[in-house]
Amino acid sequence: MSYFLDRIVYATELEPDDARVFRHAVGLARQFDAKLHVITVAKGRDQPRIDDYLSHEEIARLHADAADALHVRLESRIDAFCTANPDLDARGVIAELHVRDGDAAAQILALAGRVGAGMIVLGSHGHSPLGEMLIGSVAHTVLVRSRVPVLLVPINTH
């Protein structure tokens, strides 16, 4: 029996420790000759009643500008990783960069389904069960709702 993995979703919050998680995603992609779909999700559009002060066009422009800025940050992080790890040729395994907004877990799972990913790779801060109940966890939600294997890489932010 052979194991086939041709598409992987890597989710990032663009945090400093995400390079460790990205290294695992790139390594898996290299090992399986898979393509990597990189996603970052903007933190919510839940600004308090901003539509009372701005037109829909202005709000749309602000969100587009924010998405463009996230895309630039994502590209910059990948460039820095490639410079620090030239042996991995991370650019060679990246299929596409995705910048979304909304519920992070839902966006990650939707992308995995849309591209037919065989695995999702993301970092986990390792909140306690009580911490997850109180503040939630994207990693936990992805883990329990995913239809494909999920690799959680511990992120130590302490």
N, C-alpha and C. Protein backbone atom coordinates (compact mmCIF):
# COMPACT_ATOMS: atom_id res chain seq x y z
N MET A 1 0.85 -1.18 0.00
CA MET A 1 0.00 0.00 0.00
C MET A 1 0.89 1.24 0.00
N SER A 2 0.64 2.13 -0.91
CA SER A 2 1.43 3.37 -0.96
C SER A 2 0.60 4.53 -0.41
N TYR A 3 1.31 5.52 0.05
CA TYR A 3 0.67 6.70 0.63
C TYR A 3 0.89 7.86 -0.32
N PHE A 4 -0.20 8.52 -0.72
CA PHE A 4 -0.14 9.58 -1.70
C PHE A 4 -0.59 10.89 -1.06
N LEU A 5 0.24 11.89 -1.17
CA LEU A 5 -0.07 13.21 -0.61
C LEU A 5 0.44 14.24 -1.60
N ASP A 6 -0.47 14.92 -2.31
CA ASP A 6 0.00 15.85 -3.33
C ASP A 6 -0.31 17.32 -3.05
N ARG A 7 -1.17 17.59 -2.07
CA ARG A 7 -1.48 18.98 -1.69
C ARG A 7 -1.59 19.09 -0.19
N ILE A 8 -0.93 20.13 0.33
CA ILE A 8 -0.91 20.38 1.78
C ILE A 8 -1.31 21.83 2.00
N VAL A 9 -2.15 22.07 2.99
CA VAL A 9 -2.48 23.43 3.40
C VAL A 9 -1.64 23.76 4.63
N TYR A 10 -0.92 24.87 4.56
CA TYR A 10 -0.16 25.37 5.71
C TYR A 10 -0.81 26.68 6.14
N ALA A 11 -1.25 26.75 7.39
CA ALA A 11 -1.91 27.95 7.92
C ALA A 11 -0.95 28.69 8.84
N THR A 12 -0.87 30.00 8.67
CA THR A 12 0.02 30.81 9.48
C THR A 12 -0.69 32.04 10.01
N GLU A 13 -0.30 32.43 11.22
CA GLU A 13 -0.78 33.68 11.80
C GLU A 13 0.25 34.79 11.64
N LEU A 14 1.34 34.48 10.93
CA LEU A 14 2.45 35.41 10.71
C LEU A 14 3.11 35.82 12.02
N GLU A 15 3.23 34.87 12.93
CA GLU A 15 3.91 35.08 14.21
C GLU A 15 5.38 34.73 14.06
N PRO A 16 6.25 35.25 14.94
CA PRO A 16 7.69 34.97 14.82
C PRO A 16 8.04 33.48 14.83
N ASP A 17 7.36 32.67 15.63
CA ASP A 17 7.68 31.24 15.72
C ASP A 17 7.11 30.41 14.58
N ASP A 18 6.39 31.03 13.67
CA ASP A 18 5.78 30.28 12.57
C ASP A 18 6.80 29.67 11.61
N ALA A 19 8.04 30.16 11.62
CA ALA A 19 9.07 29.60 10.73
C ALA A 19 9.30 28.12 11.04
N ARG A 20 9.23 27.74 12.32
CA ARG A 20 9.38 26.32 12.68
C ARG A 20 8.26 25.49 12.08
N VAL A 21 7.06 26.01 12.11
CA VAL A 21 5.91 25.29 11.56
C VAL A 21 6.05 25.20 10.03
N PHE A 22 6.45 26.31 9.42
CA PHE A 22 6.63 26.34 7.96
C PHE A 22 7.69 25.33 7.54
N ARG A 23 8.75 25.19 8.33
CA ARG A 23 9.81 24.22 8.02
C ARG A 23 9.22 22.81 7.92
N HIS A 24 8.32 22.46 8.84
CA HIS A 24 7.68 21.14 8.79
C HIS A 24 6.81 21.00 7.54
N ALA A 25 6.07 22.05 7.22
CA ALA A 25 5.20 21.99 6.04
C ALA A 25 6.03 21.84 4.77
N VAL A 26 7.10 22.61 4.65
CA VAL A 26 7.97 22.53 3.48
C VAL A 26 8.63 21.15 3.41
N GLY A 27 9.10 20.66 4.56
CA GLY A 27 9.73 19.34 4.59
C GLY A 27 8.79 18.24 4.13
N LEU A 28 7.54 18.28 4.60
CA LEU A 28 6.55 17.30 4.15
C LEU A 28 6.27 17.43 2.65
N ALA A 29 6.13 18.65 2.20
CA ALA A 29 5.88 18.87 0.77
C ALA A 29 7.03 18.32 -0.07
N ARG A 30 8.24 18.55 0.36
CA ARG A 30 9.42 18.02 -0.34
C ARG A 30 9.43 16.49 -0.31
N GLN A 31 9.17 15.93 0.86
CA GLN A 31 9.20 14.48 1.03
C GLN A 31 8.20 13.77 0.11
N PHE A 32 7.02 14.36 -0.02
CA PHE A 32 5.95 13.72 -0.80
C PHE A 32 5.78 14.32 -2.20
N ASP A 33 6.68 15.26 -2.56
CA ASP A 33 6.56 15.95 -3.84
C ASP A 33 5.18 16.58 -3.97
N ALA A 34 4.75 17.22 -2.89
CA ALA A 34 3.42 17.83 -2.82
C ALA A 34 3.53 19.34 -3.02
N LYS A 35 2.43 19.97 -3.33
CA LYS A 35 2.35 21.42 -3.44
C LYS A 35 1.71 21.98 -2.18
N LEU A 36 2.22 23.12 -1.79
CA LEU A 36 1.81 23.76 -0.54
C LEU A 36 0.91 24.96 -0.83
N HIS A 37 -0.25 24.98 -0.19
CA HIS A 37 -1.14 26.13 -0.24
C HIS A 37 -1.02 26.83 1.10
N VAL A 38 -0.51 28.06 1.06
CA VAL A 38 -0.25 28.83 2.28
C VAL A 38 -1.41 29.79 2.52
N ILE A 39 -1.97 29.76 3.73
CA ILE A 39 -3.10 30.64 4.03
C ILE A 39 -2.84 31.42 5.32
N THR A 40 -3.22 32.68 5.29
CA THR A 40 -3.30 33.47 6.52
C THR A 40 -4.67 34.14 6.51
N VAL A 41 -5.25 34.25 7.67
CA VAL A 41 -6.61 34.78 7.78
C VAL A 41 -6.58 36.04 8.63
N ALA A 42 -7.10 37.13 8.06
CA ALA A 42 -7.17 38.40 8.79
C ALA A 42 -8.10 38.25 9.97
N LYS A 43 -7.76 38.90 11.02
CA LYS A 43 -8.58 38.84 12.22
C LYS A 43 -9.82 39.70 12.04
N GLY A 44 -10.93 39.03 12.00
CA GLY A 44 -12.29 39.55 11.95
C GLY A 44 -12.59 40.93 11.41
N ARG A 45 -13.77 41.02 10.89
CA ARG A 45 -14.33 42.28 10.42
C ARG A 45 -15.29 42.85 11.45
N ASP A 46 -15.14 42.47 12.67
CA ASP A 46 -16.14 42.81 13.69
C ASP A 46 -15.88 44.16 14.34
N GLN A 47 -15.53 45.14 13.54
CA GLN A 47 -15.35 46.48 14.11
C GLN A 47 -16.72 47.01 14.54
N PRO A 48 -16.76 47.67 15.68
CA PRO A 48 -18.05 48.13 16.19
C PRO A 48 -18.66 49.21 15.29
N ARG A 49 -19.71 48.84 14.62
CA ARG A 49 -20.54 49.76 13.86
C ARG A 49 -19.76 50.72 12.96
N ILE A 50 -18.72 50.22 12.32
CA ILE A 50 -17.93 51.05 11.42
C ILE A 50 -18.78 51.51 10.23
N ASP A 51 -19.78 50.71 9.88
CA ASP A 51 -20.62 51.09 8.74
C ASP A 51 -21.49 52.31 9.04
N ASP A 52 -21.55 52.74 10.29
CA ASP A 52 -22.25 53.98 10.62
C ASP A 52 -21.42 55.20 10.21
N TYR A 53 -20.12 55.01 10.00
CA TYR A 53 -19.23 56.13 9.73
C TYR A 53 -18.63 56.12 8.33
N LEU A 54 -18.58 54.95 7.69
CA LEU A 54 -17.95 54.83 6.38
C LEU A 54 -18.91 54.20 5.39
N SER A 55 -18.74 54.53 4.13
CA SER A 55 -19.56 53.93 3.09
C SER A 55 -19.10 52.49 2.85
N HIS A 56 -19.94 51.72 2.18
CA HIS A 56 -19.58 50.33 1.86
C HIS A 56 -18.34 50.29 0.98
N GLU A 57 -18.21 51.27 0.08
CA GLU A 57 -17.04 51.33 -0.80
C GLU A 57 -15.77 51.60 0.01
N GLU A 58 -15.86 52.50 0.99
CA GLU A 58 -14.69 52.80 1.83
C GLU A 58 -14.30 51.58 2.67
N ILE A 59 -15.29 50.89 3.20
CA ILE A 59 -15.02 49.69 3.99
C ILE A 59 -14.38 48.62 3.11
N ALA A 60 -14.92 48.44 1.92
CA ALA A 60 -14.36 47.44 0.99
C ALA A 60 -12.91 47.79 0.64
N ARG A 61 -12.63 49.07 0.43
CA ARG A 61 -11.27 49.51 0.11
C ARG A 61 -10.33 49.24 1.28
N LEU A 62 -10.79 49.54 2.50
CA LEU A 62 -9.98 49.28 3.69
C LEU A 62 -9.65 47.80 3.83
N HIS A 63 -10.64 46.94 3.59
CA HIS A 63 -10.41 45.50 3.68
C HIS A 63 -9.47 45.02 2.57
N ALA A 64 -9.63 45.57 1.39
CA ALA A 64 -8.72 45.21 0.29
C ALA A 64 -7.30 45.65 0.61
N ASP A 65 -7.14 46.85 1.16
CA ASP A 65 -5.81 47.34 1.55
C ASP A 65 -5.21 46.45 2.62
N ALA A 66 -6.02 46.04 3.58
CA ALA A 66 -5.52 45.17 4.66
C ALA A 66 -5.11 43.81 4.10
N ALA A 67 -5.89 43.27 3.16
CA ALA A 67 -5.53 41.99 2.54
C ALA A 67 -4.23 42.13 1.76
N ASP A 68 -4.06 43.24 1.03
CA ASP A 68 -2.82 43.47 0.30
C ASP A 68 -1.63 43.55 1.25
N ALA A 69 -1.80 44.22 2.38
CA ALA A 69 -0.73 44.35 3.36
C ALA A 69 -0.37 42.98 3.95
N LEU A 70 -1.38 42.15 4.21
CA LEU A 70 -1.11 40.80 4.71
C LEU A 70 -0.37 39.97 3.68
N HIS A 71 -0.74 40.13 2.43
CA HIS A 71 -0.07 39.39 1.35
C HIS A 71 1.41 39.79 1.29
N VAL A 72 1.69 41.07 1.42
CA VAL A 72 3.07 41.56 1.41
C VAL A 72 3.84 40.99 2.60
N ARG A 73 3.22 40.98 3.79
CA ARG A 73 3.87 40.40 4.98
C ARG A 73 4.14 38.92 4.79
N LEU A 74 3.19 38.22 4.19
CA LEU A 74 3.35 36.79 3.95
C LEU A 74 4.51 36.54 2.99
N GLU A 75 4.55 37.29 1.91
CA GLU A 75 5.65 37.18 0.94
C GLU A 75 6.99 37.47 1.61
N SER A 76 7.02 38.50 2.45
CA SER A 76 8.24 38.88 3.15
C SER A 76 8.71 37.78 4.08
N ARG A 77 7.78 37.16 4.81
CA ARG A 77 8.14 36.06 5.70
C ARG A 77 8.70 34.87 4.91
N ILE A 78 8.08 34.58 3.78
CA ILE A 78 8.57 33.47 2.97
C ILE A 78 9.95 33.79 2.41
N ASP A 79 10.14 35.02 1.95
CA ASP A 79 11.47 35.43 1.46
C ASP A 79 12.53 35.28 2.54
N ALA A 80 12.22 35.71 3.76
CA ALA A 80 13.17 35.60 4.87
C ALA A 80 13.47 34.14 5.17
N PHE A 81 12.45 33.30 5.14
CA PHE A 81 12.65 31.88 5.37
C PHE A 81 13.55 31.28 4.29
N CYS A 82 13.30 31.64 3.04
CA CYS A 82 14.10 31.12 1.93
C CYS A 82 15.56 31.56 2.04
N THR A 83 15.77 32.79 2.46
CA THR A 83 17.13 33.29 2.64
C THR A 83 17.84 32.52 3.75
N ALA A 84 17.13 32.25 4.85
CA ALA A 84 17.72 31.55 5.98
C ALA A 84 17.85 30.04 5.75
N ASN A 85 17.07 29.51 4.81
CA ASN A 85 17.05 28.06 4.55
C ASN A 85 17.12 27.77 3.05
N PRO A 86 18.20 28.18 2.38
CA PRO A 86 18.25 28.01 0.92
C PRO A 86 18.21 26.55 0.48
N ASP A 87 18.62 25.64 1.34
CA ASP A 87 18.63 24.22 1.01
C ASP A 87 17.23 23.63 0.83
N LEU A 88 16.22 24.26 1.39
CA LEU A 88 14.86 23.72 1.33
C LEU A 88 14.08 24.12 0.08
N ASP A 89 14.49 25.18 -0.59
CA ASP A 89 13.79 25.67 -1.79
C ASP A 89 12.27 25.73 -1.55
N ALA A 90 11.88 26.47 -0.54
CA ALA A 90 10.46 26.57 -0.18
C ALA A 90 9.62 27.10 -1.33
N ARG A 91 10.16 28.05 -2.09
CA ARG A 91 9.37 28.61 -3.21
C ARG A 91 9.00 27.54 -4.23
N GLY A 92 9.83 26.52 -4.33
CA GLY A 92 9.58 25.45 -5.30
C GLY A 92 8.39 24.57 -4.97
N VAL A 93 7.94 24.59 -3.72
CA VAL A 93 6.80 23.74 -3.34
C VAL A 93 5.51 24.53 -3.15
N ILE A 94 5.60 25.85 -3.17
CA ILE A 94 4.40 26.66 -2.93
C ILE A 94 3.55 26.74 -4.20
N ALA A 95 2.31 26.33 -4.08
CA ALA A 95 1.36 26.41 -5.19
C ALA A 95 0.72 27.78 -5.25
N GLU A 96 0.30 28.28 -4.07
CA GLU A 96 -0.41 29.55 -4.05
C GLU A 96 -0.46 30.10 -2.63
N LEU A 97 -0.50 31.43 -2.54
CA LEU A 97 -0.69 32.12 -1.27
C LEU A 97 -2.14 32.59 -1.20
N HIS A 98 -2.76 32.36 -0.06
CA HIS A 98 -4.18 32.72 0.11
C HIS A 98 -4.30 33.64 1.31
N VAL A 99 -4.90 34.80 1.12
CA VAL A 99 -5.19 35.73 2.21
C VAL A 99 -6.70 35.84 2.29
N ARG A 100 -7.25 35.50 3.43
CA ARG A 100 -8.70 35.53 3.62
C ARG A 100 -9.03 36.32 4.87
N ASP A 101 -10.30 36.61 5.05
CA ASP A 101 -10.73 37.17 6.33
C ASP A 101 -11.95 36.41 6.79
N GLY A 102 -12.24 36.53 8.07
CA GLY A 102 -13.37 35.81 8.64
C GLY A 102 -12.91 34.85 9.71
N ASP A 103 -13.68 33.81 9.91
CA ASP A 103 -13.37 32.79 10.90
C ASP A 103 -12.20 31.95 10.40
N ALA A 104 -11.08 31.98 11.14
CA ALA A 104 -9.86 31.33 10.67
C ALA A 104 -10.03 29.84 10.45
N ALA A 105 -10.60 29.13 11.41
CA ALA A 105 -10.77 27.69 11.26
C ALA A 105 -11.64 27.36 10.05
N ALA A 106 -12.73 28.08 9.88
CA ALA A 106 -13.62 27.84 8.75
C ALA A 106 -12.91 28.10 7.42
N GLN A 107 -12.12 29.16 7.36
CA GLN A 107 -11.39 29.49 6.13
C GLN A 107 -10.33 28.43 5.80
N ILE A 108 -9.62 27.96 6.83
CA ILE A 108 -8.60 26.93 6.62
C ILE A 108 -9.24 25.64 6.12
N LEU A 109 -10.32 25.23 6.76
CA LEU A 109 -11.01 24.01 6.36
C LEU A 109 -11.62 24.14 4.96
N ALA A 110 -12.16 25.31 4.66
CA ALA A 110 -12.74 25.53 3.33
C ALA A 110 -11.66 25.44 2.25
N LEU A 111 -10.50 26.04 2.51
CA LEU A 111 -9.41 25.97 1.53
C LEU A 111 -8.95 24.53 1.35
N ALA A 112 -8.80 23.79 2.44
CA ALA A 112 -8.39 22.40 2.34
C ALA A 112 -9.35 21.61 1.45
N GLY A 113 -10.64 21.83 1.62
CA GLY A 113 -11.63 21.16 0.79
C GLY A 113 -11.57 21.60 -0.66
N ARG A 114 -11.42 22.91 -0.86
CA ARG A 114 -11.42 23.48 -2.22
C ARG A 114 -10.24 22.98 -3.05
N VAL A 115 -9.04 22.88 -2.42
CA VAL A 115 -7.86 22.47 -3.18
C VAL A 115 -7.63 20.96 -3.13
N GLY A 116 -8.45 20.25 -2.36
CA GLY A 116 -8.29 18.81 -2.24
C GLY A 116 -7.04 18.42 -1.46
N ALA A 117 -6.77 19.16 -0.40
CA ALA A 117 -5.58 18.90 0.40
C ALA A 117 -5.67 17.54 1.10
N GLY A 118 -4.53 16.89 1.22
CA GLY A 118 -4.46 15.62 1.93
C GLY A 118 -4.01 15.79 3.36
N MET A 119 -3.58 17.02 3.72
CA MET A 119 -3.12 17.30 5.08
C MET A 119 -3.16 18.79 5.32
N ILE A 120 -3.34 19.15 6.60
CA ILE A 120 -3.26 20.54 7.04
C ILE A 120 -2.15 20.62 8.08
N VAL A 121 -1.29 21.62 7.95
CA VAL A 121 -0.21 21.85 8.92
C VAL A 121 -0.42 23.22 9.53
N LEU A 122 -0.42 23.28 10.86
CA LEU A 122 -0.51 24.56 11.54
C LEU A 122 0.11 24.46 12.93
N GLY A 123 0.39 25.61 13.49
CA GLY A 123 0.99 25.67 14.82
C GLY A 123 -0.08 25.69 15.88
N SER A 124 0.32 25.26 17.07
CA SER A 124 -0.59 25.29 18.21
C SER A 124 0.14 25.86 19.40
N HIS A 125 -0.50 26.82 20.05
CA HIS A 125 0.07 27.45 21.23
C HIS A 125 -0.06 26.57 22.46
N GLY A 126 -0.85 25.50 22.38
CA GLY A 126 -0.97 24.57 23.49
C GLY A 126 -1.70 25.14 24.69
N HIS A 127 -2.80 25.86 24.43
CA HIS A 127 -3.61 26.36 25.55
C HIS A 127 -4.12 25.18 26.37
N SER A 128 -4.33 25.41 27.62
CA SER A 128 -4.93 24.38 28.47
C SER A 128 -6.38 24.19 28.03
N PRO A 129 -7.00 23.05 28.42
CA PRO A 129 -8.41 22.87 28.07
C PRO A 129 -9.29 24.02 28.56
N LEU A 130 -9.01 24.55 29.74
CA LEU A 130 -9.78 25.68 30.24
C LEU A 130 -9.54 26.91 29.36
N GLY A 131 -8.29 27.13 28.98
CA GLY A 131 -7.96 28.25 28.10
C GLY A 131 -8.67 28.15 26.76
N GLU A 132 -8.74 26.93 26.22
CA GLU A 132 -9.45 26.74 24.96
C GLU A 132 -10.93 27.02 25.10
N MET A 133 -11.51 26.61 26.24
CA MET A 133 -12.94 26.89 26.47
C MET A 133 -13.19 28.38 26.53
N LEU A 134 -12.29 29.11 27.18
CA LEU A 134 -12.51 30.53 27.38
C LEU A 134 -12.17 31.37 26.15
N ILE A 135 -11.07 31.06 25.48
CA ILE A 135 -10.65 31.90 24.35
C ILE A 135 -10.73 31.19 23.01
N GLY A 136 -11.00 29.89 23.01
CA GLY A 136 -11.09 29.16 21.76
C GLY A 136 -9.73 28.83 21.21
N SER A 137 -9.70 28.02 20.20
CA SER A 137 -8.45 27.64 19.57
C SER A 137 -8.72 27.26 18.13
N VAL A 138 -8.09 27.99 17.24
CA VAL A 138 -8.22 27.67 15.81
C VAL A 138 -7.71 26.26 15.57
N ALA A 139 -6.55 25.94 16.15
CA ALA A 139 -5.96 24.62 15.96
C ALA A 139 -6.91 23.51 16.42
N HIS A 140 -7.51 23.70 17.58
CA HIS A 140 -8.42 22.69 18.11
C HIS A 140 -9.63 22.52 17.20
N THR A 141 -10.20 23.61 16.74
CA THR A 141 -11.36 23.55 15.85
C THR A 141 -11.01 22.85 14.54
N VAL A 142 -9.85 23.21 13.96
CA VAL A 142 -9.43 22.56 12.72
C VAL A 142 -9.24 21.07 12.97
N LEU A 143 -8.60 20.73 14.07
CA LEU A 143 -8.33 19.33 14.39
C LEU A 143 -9.60 18.50 14.47
N VAL A 144 -10.61 18.99 15.16
CA VAL A 144 -11.82 18.19 15.36
C VAL A 144 -12.78 18.23 14.17
N ARG A 145 -12.66 19.22 13.31
CA ARG A 145 -13.59 19.32 12.17
C ARG A 145 -12.98 18.86 10.84
N SER A 146 -11.69 18.67 10.80
CA SER A 146 -11.03 18.33 9.54
C SER A 146 -11.37 16.93 9.07
N ARG A 147 -11.47 16.78 7.76
CA ARG A 147 -11.70 15.47 7.15
C ARG A 147 -10.38 14.84 6.72
N VAL A 148 -9.28 15.58 6.87
CA VAL A 148 -7.95 15.08 6.50
C VAL A 148 -7.03 15.16 7.72
N PRO A 149 -5.92 14.44 7.71
CA PRO A 149 -4.99 14.52 8.85
C PRO A 149 -4.51 15.95 9.07
N VAL A 150 -4.29 16.27 10.33
CA VAL A 150 -3.81 17.59 10.73
C VAL A 150 -2.52 17.40 11.53
N LEU A 151 -1.47 18.09 11.10
CA LEU A 151 -0.22 18.10 11.85
C LEU A 151 -0.18 19.38 12.67
N LEU A 152 -0.21 19.23 14.00
CA LEU A 152 -0.09 20.38 14.89
C LEU A 152 1.35 20.46 15.38
N VAL A 153 2.00 21.57 15.10
CA VAL A 153 3.37 21.78 15.53
C VAL A 153 3.34 22.72 16.73
N PRO A 154 3.91 22.29 17.86
CA PRO A 154 3.85 23.16 19.05
C PRO A 154 4.62 24.46 18.84
N ILE A 155 3.99 25.54 19.28
CA ILE A 155 4.63 26.86 19.24
C ILE A 155 4.82 27.30 20.68
N ASN A 156 6.05 27.47 21.07
CA ASN A 156 6.34 27.92 22.43
C ASN A 156 6.59 29.41 22.39
N THR A 157 5.65 30.17 22.90
CA THR A 157 5.77 31.63 22.86
C THR A 157 6.27 32.20 24.18
N HIS A 158 6.61 31.35 25.11
CA HIS A 158 7.06 31.83 26.43
C HIS A 158 8.53 32.14 26.41
